[in-house]
Amino acid sequence: MEFAVESLETPALTKAQLAELLFDQIGLNKRESKDMIDAFFDLITDQLVEGKDVKISGFGNFQIRTKAARPGRNPRTGEPVAIEARRVVTFHASPKLKDQVQAAIDAG
């Protein structure tokens, strides 16, 4: 699956581009494509907000990690600051995804 990146400044795949790919390759209408992409990301977001991990076979895992409070430092002033406890999302690529990325690098 190939697509053209619209801007050299942001070489990223956007939700709008994903919806366009669904429209072009699967034949959904543009509204259905956009709604499907939005629903997909809403589902992932809702699961993560609830504290559940999301595993997508052949792609990777999104996990919630709780980071404890800790002392920190303002890099600009050197002043000590407290960093509050928080939850963060981490992503770990599957071995299959890693292999595909490496193969593309090796071939190119």
N, C-alpha and C. Protein backbone atom coordinates (compact mmCIF):
# COMPACT_ATOMS: atom_id res chain seq x y z
N MET A 1 0.85 -1.17 0.00
CA MET A 1 0.00 0.00 0.00
C MET A 1 0.89 1.23 0.00
N GLU A 2 0.78 2.05 -1.02
CA GLU A 2 1.59 3.25 -1.12
C GLU A 2 0.68 4.47 -1.13
N PHE A 3 1.22 5.57 -0.62
CA PHE A 3 0.48 6.82 -0.63
C PHE A 3 1.47 7.96 -0.74
N ALA A 4 0.99 9.07 -1.21
CA ALA A 4 1.86 10.23 -1.35
C ALA A 4 1.74 11.10 -0.11
N VAL A 5 2.88 11.52 0.40
CA VAL A 5 2.87 12.43 1.55
C VAL A 5 2.63 13.82 1.00
N GLU A 6 1.63 14.50 1.57
CA GLU A 6 1.22 15.79 1.02
C GLU A 6 2.17 16.92 1.34
N SER A 7 2.94 16.81 2.42
CA SER A 7 3.81 17.90 2.82
C SER A 7 5.15 17.33 3.26
N LEU A 8 6.22 17.94 2.81
CA LEU A 8 7.55 17.49 3.22
C LEU A 8 7.83 17.87 4.67
N GLU A 9 7.12 18.88 5.18
CA GLU A 9 7.33 19.33 6.56
C GLU A 9 6.80 18.32 7.56
N THR A 10 5.73 17.61 7.22
CA THR A 10 5.14 16.64 8.14
C THR A 10 4.98 15.31 7.43
N PRO A 11 6.07 14.56 7.29
CA PRO A 11 5.98 13.28 6.59
C PRO A 11 5.32 12.22 7.47
N ALA A 12 4.05 12.42 7.74
CA ALA A 12 3.32 11.50 8.63
C ALA A 12 2.02 11.11 7.95
N LEU A 13 1.55 9.93 8.29
CA LEU A 13 0.26 9.46 7.80
C LEU A 13 -0.81 10.01 8.73
N THR A 14 -1.76 10.74 8.17
CA THR A 14 -2.80 11.38 8.97
C THR A 14 -4.10 10.56 8.93
N LYS A 15 -5.00 10.89 9.85
CA LYS A 15 -6.31 10.23 9.84
C LYS A 15 -7.04 10.51 8.52
N ALA A 16 -6.89 11.71 8.01
CA ALA A 16 -7.54 12.05 6.73
C ALA A 16 -6.98 11.19 5.60
N GLN A 17 -5.66 10.94 5.61
CA GLN A 17 -5.06 10.10 4.59
C GLN A 17 -5.52 8.65 4.74
N LEU A 18 -5.65 8.17 5.98
CA LEU A 18 -6.17 6.82 6.21
C LEU A 18 -7.58 6.69 5.66
N ALA A 19 -8.42 7.69 5.92
CA ALA A 19 -9.79 7.67 5.41
C ALA A 19 -9.79 7.67 3.88
N GLU A 20 -8.89 8.43 3.29
CA GLU A 20 -8.79 8.48 1.83
C GLU A 20 -8.37 7.12 1.27
N LEU A 21 -7.45 6.43 1.97
CA LEU A 21 -7.04 5.09 1.54
C LEU A 21 -8.20 4.11 1.61
N LEU A 22 -9.02 4.19 2.65
CA LEU A 22 -10.21 3.33 2.73
C LEU A 22 -11.16 3.62 1.58
N PHE A 23 -11.32 4.88 1.28
CA PHE A 23 -12.19 5.29 0.17
C PHE A 23 -11.66 4.72 -1.15
N ASP A 24 -10.36 4.89 -1.40
CA ASP A 24 -9.76 4.46 -2.67
C ASP A 24 -9.66 2.94 -2.81
N GLN A 25 -9.27 2.26 -1.75
CA GLN A 25 -8.92 0.85 -1.89
C GLN A 25 -10.04 -0.12 -1.51
N ILE A 26 -10.95 0.31 -0.64
CA ILE A 26 -12.02 -0.59 -0.21
C ILE A 26 -13.36 -0.21 -0.82
N GLY A 27 -13.50 1.06 -1.17
CA GLY A 27 -14.72 1.49 -1.82
C GLY A 27 -15.77 2.06 -0.89
N LEU A 28 -15.42 2.27 0.38
CA LEU A 28 -16.36 2.95 1.27
C LEU A 28 -16.51 4.38 0.80
N ASN A 29 -17.67 4.98 1.09
CA ASN A 29 -17.77 6.39 0.73
C ASN A 29 -16.95 7.21 1.72
N LYS A 30 -16.72 8.47 1.39
CA LYS A 30 -15.80 9.29 2.20
C LYS A 30 -16.29 9.45 3.63
N ARG A 31 -17.58 9.60 3.81
CA ARG A 31 -18.14 9.76 5.16
C ARG A 31 -17.96 8.48 5.97
N GLU A 32 -18.25 7.33 5.37
CA GLU A 32 -18.06 6.04 6.06
C GLU A 32 -16.59 5.81 6.41
N SER A 33 -15.70 6.18 5.50
CA SER A 33 -14.26 6.02 5.73
C SER A 33 -13.82 6.85 6.93
N LYS A 34 -14.24 8.11 6.96
CA LYS A 34 -13.87 8.99 8.07
C LYS A 34 -14.45 8.46 9.38
N ASP A 35 -15.72 8.05 9.35
CA ASP A 35 -16.36 7.53 10.56
C ASP A 35 -15.67 6.26 11.07
N MET A 36 -15.24 5.39 10.15
CA MET A 36 -14.56 4.15 10.55
C MET A 36 -13.22 4.45 11.21
N ILE A 37 -12.46 5.36 10.63
CA ILE A 37 -11.16 5.74 11.22
C ILE A 37 -11.38 6.38 12.59
N ASP A 38 -12.34 7.29 12.69
CA ASP A 38 -12.62 7.94 13.99
C ASP A 38 -13.05 6.90 15.03
N ALA A 39 -13.90 5.97 14.65
CA ALA A 39 -14.38 4.94 15.58
C ALA A 39 -13.22 4.04 16.03
N PHE A 40 -12.34 3.71 15.11
CA PHE A 40 -11.18 2.87 15.45
C PHE A 40 -10.31 3.55 16.52
N PHE A 41 -9.98 4.81 16.29
CA PHE A 41 -9.12 5.51 17.26
C PHE A 41 -9.86 5.82 18.55
N ASP A 42 -11.16 6.08 18.47
CA ASP A 42 -11.95 6.28 19.70
C ASP A 42 -11.96 5.01 20.54
N LEU A 43 -12.08 3.86 19.90
CA LEU A 43 -12.08 2.59 20.62
C LEU A 43 -10.74 2.36 21.33
N ILE A 44 -9.65 2.62 20.63
CA ILE A 44 -8.32 2.47 21.25
C ILE A 44 -8.18 3.45 22.41
N THR A 45 -8.57 4.70 22.20
CA THR A 45 -8.47 5.72 23.25
C THR A 45 -9.29 5.33 24.46
N ASP A 46 -10.53 4.90 24.26
CA ASP A 46 -11.40 4.52 25.38
C ASP A 46 -10.79 3.39 26.20
N GLN A 47 -10.22 2.40 25.54
CA GLN A 47 -9.60 1.27 26.25
C GLN A 47 -8.41 1.75 27.08
N LEU A 48 -7.59 2.62 26.51
CA LEU A 48 -6.43 3.11 27.24
C LEU A 48 -6.84 4.00 28.42
N VAL A 49 -7.87 4.81 28.23
CA VAL A 49 -8.36 5.66 29.32
C VAL A 49 -8.86 4.80 30.48
N GLU A 50 -9.46 3.66 30.16
CA GLU A 50 -9.94 2.73 31.18
C GLU A 50 -8.80 1.95 31.83
N GLY A 51 -7.58 2.15 31.36
CA GLY A 51 -6.44 1.46 31.94
C GLY A 51 -6.15 0.11 31.34
N LYS A 52 -6.79 -0.20 30.23
CA LYS A 52 -6.59 -1.50 29.56
C LYS A 52 -5.55 -1.37 28.46
N ASP A 53 -4.75 -2.41 28.29
CA ASP A 53 -3.78 -2.45 27.19
C ASP A 53 -4.51 -2.76 25.89
N VAL A 54 -3.92 -2.34 24.78
CA VAL A 54 -4.48 -2.61 23.45
C VAL A 54 -3.42 -3.37 22.67
N LYS A 55 -3.77 -4.56 22.20
CA LYS A 55 -2.85 -5.39 21.43
C LYS A 55 -3.40 -5.57 20.03
N ILE A 56 -2.62 -5.18 19.05
CA ILE A 56 -3.01 -5.33 17.65
C ILE A 56 -2.03 -6.31 17.03
N SER A 57 -2.52 -7.50 16.73
CA SER A 57 -1.69 -8.59 16.23
C SER A 57 -0.94 -8.16 14.98
N GLY A 58 0.35 -8.43 14.96
CA GLY A 58 1.18 -8.10 13.81
C GLY A 58 1.59 -6.65 13.75
N PHE A 59 1.13 -5.82 14.69
CA PHE A 59 1.46 -4.40 14.70
C PHE A 59 2.19 -4.03 15.98
N GLY A 60 1.52 -4.23 17.13
CA GLY A 60 2.18 -3.90 18.39
C GLY A 60 1.20 -3.74 19.53
N ASN A 61 1.73 -3.33 20.68
CA ASN A 61 0.94 -3.18 21.89
C ASN A 61 1.02 -1.75 22.42
N PHE A 62 -0.13 -1.21 22.76
CA PHE A 62 -0.19 0.06 23.47
C PHE A 62 -0.45 -0.30 24.92
N GLN A 63 0.40 0.20 25.82
CA GLN A 63 0.25 -0.12 27.23
C GLN A 63 0.21 1.14 28.07
N ILE A 64 -0.54 1.06 29.16
CA ILE A 64 -0.59 2.15 30.12
C ILE A 64 0.47 1.86 31.18
N ARG A 65 1.29 2.84 31.46
CA ARG A 65 2.32 2.70 32.48
C ARG A 65 2.13 3.82 33.50
N THR A 66 2.17 3.48 34.77
CA THR A 66 2.04 4.48 35.83
C THR A 66 3.43 4.88 36.28
N LYS A 67 3.72 6.16 36.19
CA LYS A 67 5.02 6.68 36.62
C LYS A 67 4.84 7.34 37.98
N ALA A 68 5.71 7.02 38.89
CA ALA A 68 5.64 7.57 40.25
C ALA A 68 6.10 9.02 40.25
N ALA A 69 5.68 9.74 41.28
CA ALA A 69 6.16 11.11 41.47
C ALA A 69 7.66 11.06 41.73
N ARG A 70 8.36 12.11 41.28
CA ARG A 70 9.80 12.13 41.48
C ARG A 70 10.30 13.56 41.45
N PRO A 71 11.47 13.79 42.02
CA PRO A 71 12.04 15.14 41.93
C PRO A 71 12.61 15.35 40.53
N GLY A 72 12.51 16.58 40.06
CA GLY A 72 13.06 16.92 38.76
C GLY A 72 13.75 18.26 38.83
N ARG A 73 14.11 18.79 37.66
CA ARG A 73 14.82 20.06 37.61
C ARG A 73 14.40 20.79 36.35
N ASN A 74 14.15 22.07 36.47
CA ASN A 74 13.86 22.91 35.32
C ASN A 74 15.17 23.08 34.56
N PRO A 75 15.24 22.59 33.32
CA PRO A 75 16.51 22.65 32.59
C PRO A 75 16.96 24.07 32.27
N ARG A 76 16.03 24.99 32.20
CA ARG A 76 16.37 26.37 31.86
C ARG A 76 16.99 27.09 33.05
N THR A 77 16.41 26.87 34.25
CA THR A 77 16.86 27.62 35.42
C THR A 77 17.66 26.77 36.40
N GLY A 78 17.56 25.47 36.29
CA GLY A 78 18.23 24.59 37.25
C GLY A 78 17.45 24.44 38.55
N GLU A 79 16.32 25.10 38.63
CA GLU A 79 15.50 25.08 39.85
C GLU A 79 14.83 23.72 40.03
N PRO A 80 14.88 23.18 41.25
CA PRO A 80 14.22 21.89 41.49
C PRO A 80 12.69 22.02 41.39
N VAL A 81 12.05 21.03 40.79
CA VAL A 81 10.60 21.00 40.68
C VAL A 81 10.13 19.58 40.96
N ALA A 82 8.91 19.47 41.46
CA ALA A 82 8.33 18.15 41.70
C ALA A 82 7.59 17.70 40.45
N ILE A 83 7.86 16.50 39.99
CA ILE A 83 7.15 15.93 38.86
C ILE A 83 6.09 15.00 39.44
N GLU A 84 4.84 15.30 39.14
CA GLU A 84 3.72 14.54 39.72
C GLU A 84 3.61 13.15 39.11
N ALA A 85 2.99 12.25 39.86
CA ALA A 85 2.71 10.91 39.35
C ALA A 85 1.75 11.05 38.17
N ARG A 86 1.92 10.18 37.20
CA ARG A 86 1.05 10.26 36.02
C ARG A 86 1.03 8.92 35.30
N ARG A 87 0.04 8.80 34.43
CA ARG A 87 -0.04 7.61 33.57
C ARG A 87 0.39 8.02 32.17
N VAL A 88 1.17 7.17 31.55
CA VAL A 88 1.63 7.44 30.19
C VAL A 88 1.31 6.23 29.31
N VAL A 89 1.19 6.48 28.02
CA VAL A 89 0.97 5.41 27.05
C VAL A 89 2.30 5.08 26.41
N THR A 90 2.62 3.80 26.35
CA THR A 90 3.82 3.35 25.65
C THR A 90 3.39 2.45 24.50
N PHE A 91 4.23 2.39 23.48
CA PHE A 91 3.96 1.52 22.34
C PHE A 91 5.17 0.63 22.13
N HIS A 92 4.92 -0.66 21.98
CA HIS A 92 5.97 -1.62 21.68
C HIS A 92 5.59 -2.32 20.37
N ALA A 93 6.42 -2.12 19.37
CA ALA A 93 6.17 -2.73 18.06
C ALA A 93 6.31 -4.24 18.14
N SER A 94 5.49 -4.94 17.37
CA SER A 94 5.58 -6.40 17.32
C SER A 94 6.83 -6.79 16.54
N PRO A 95 7.32 -8.01 16.78
CA PRO A 95 8.47 -8.47 15.99
C PRO A 95 8.21 -8.44 14.48
N LYS A 96 6.97 -8.73 14.09
CA LYS A 96 6.62 -8.71 12.66
C LYS A 96 6.78 -7.30 12.08
N LEU A 97 6.30 -6.28 12.80
CA LEU A 97 6.42 -4.90 12.35
C LEU A 97 7.89 -4.50 12.31
N LYS A 98 8.64 -4.86 13.34
CA LYS A 98 10.07 -4.53 13.37
C LYS A 98 10.79 -5.15 12.17
N ASP A 99 10.47 -6.40 11.86
CA ASP A 99 11.09 -7.08 10.73
C ASP A 99 10.76 -6.39 9.41
N GLN A 100 9.51 -5.97 9.25
CA GLN A 100 9.10 -5.29 8.01
C GLN A 100 9.81 -3.96 7.86
N VAL A 101 9.94 -3.22 8.96
CA VAL A 101 10.64 -1.92 8.90
C VAL A 101 12.12 -2.14 8.57
N GLN A 102 12.73 -3.12 9.22
CA GLN A 102 14.14 -3.41 8.96
C GLN A 102 14.37 -3.87 7.52
N ALA A 103 13.46 -4.70 7.00
CA ALA A 103 13.58 -5.16 5.61
C ALA A 103 13.50 -4.00 4.64
N ALA A 104 12.64 -3.03 4.93
CA ALA A 104 12.52 -1.86 4.06
C ALA A 104 13.79 -1.02 4.10
N ILE A 105 14.41 -0.93 5.28
CA ILE A 105 15.65 -0.18 5.42
C ILE A 105 16.78 -0.89 4.67
N ASP A 106 16.85 -2.21 4.85
CA ASP A 106 17.89 -3.00 4.19
C ASP A 106 17.76 -2.96 2.67
N ALA A 107 16.52 -2.93 2.17
CA ALA A 107 16.28 -2.92 0.72
C ALA A 107 16.53 -1.55 0.11
N GLY A 108 16.39 -0.51 0.92
CA GLY A 108 16.44 0.84 0.37
C GLY A 108 17.73 1.49 0.51
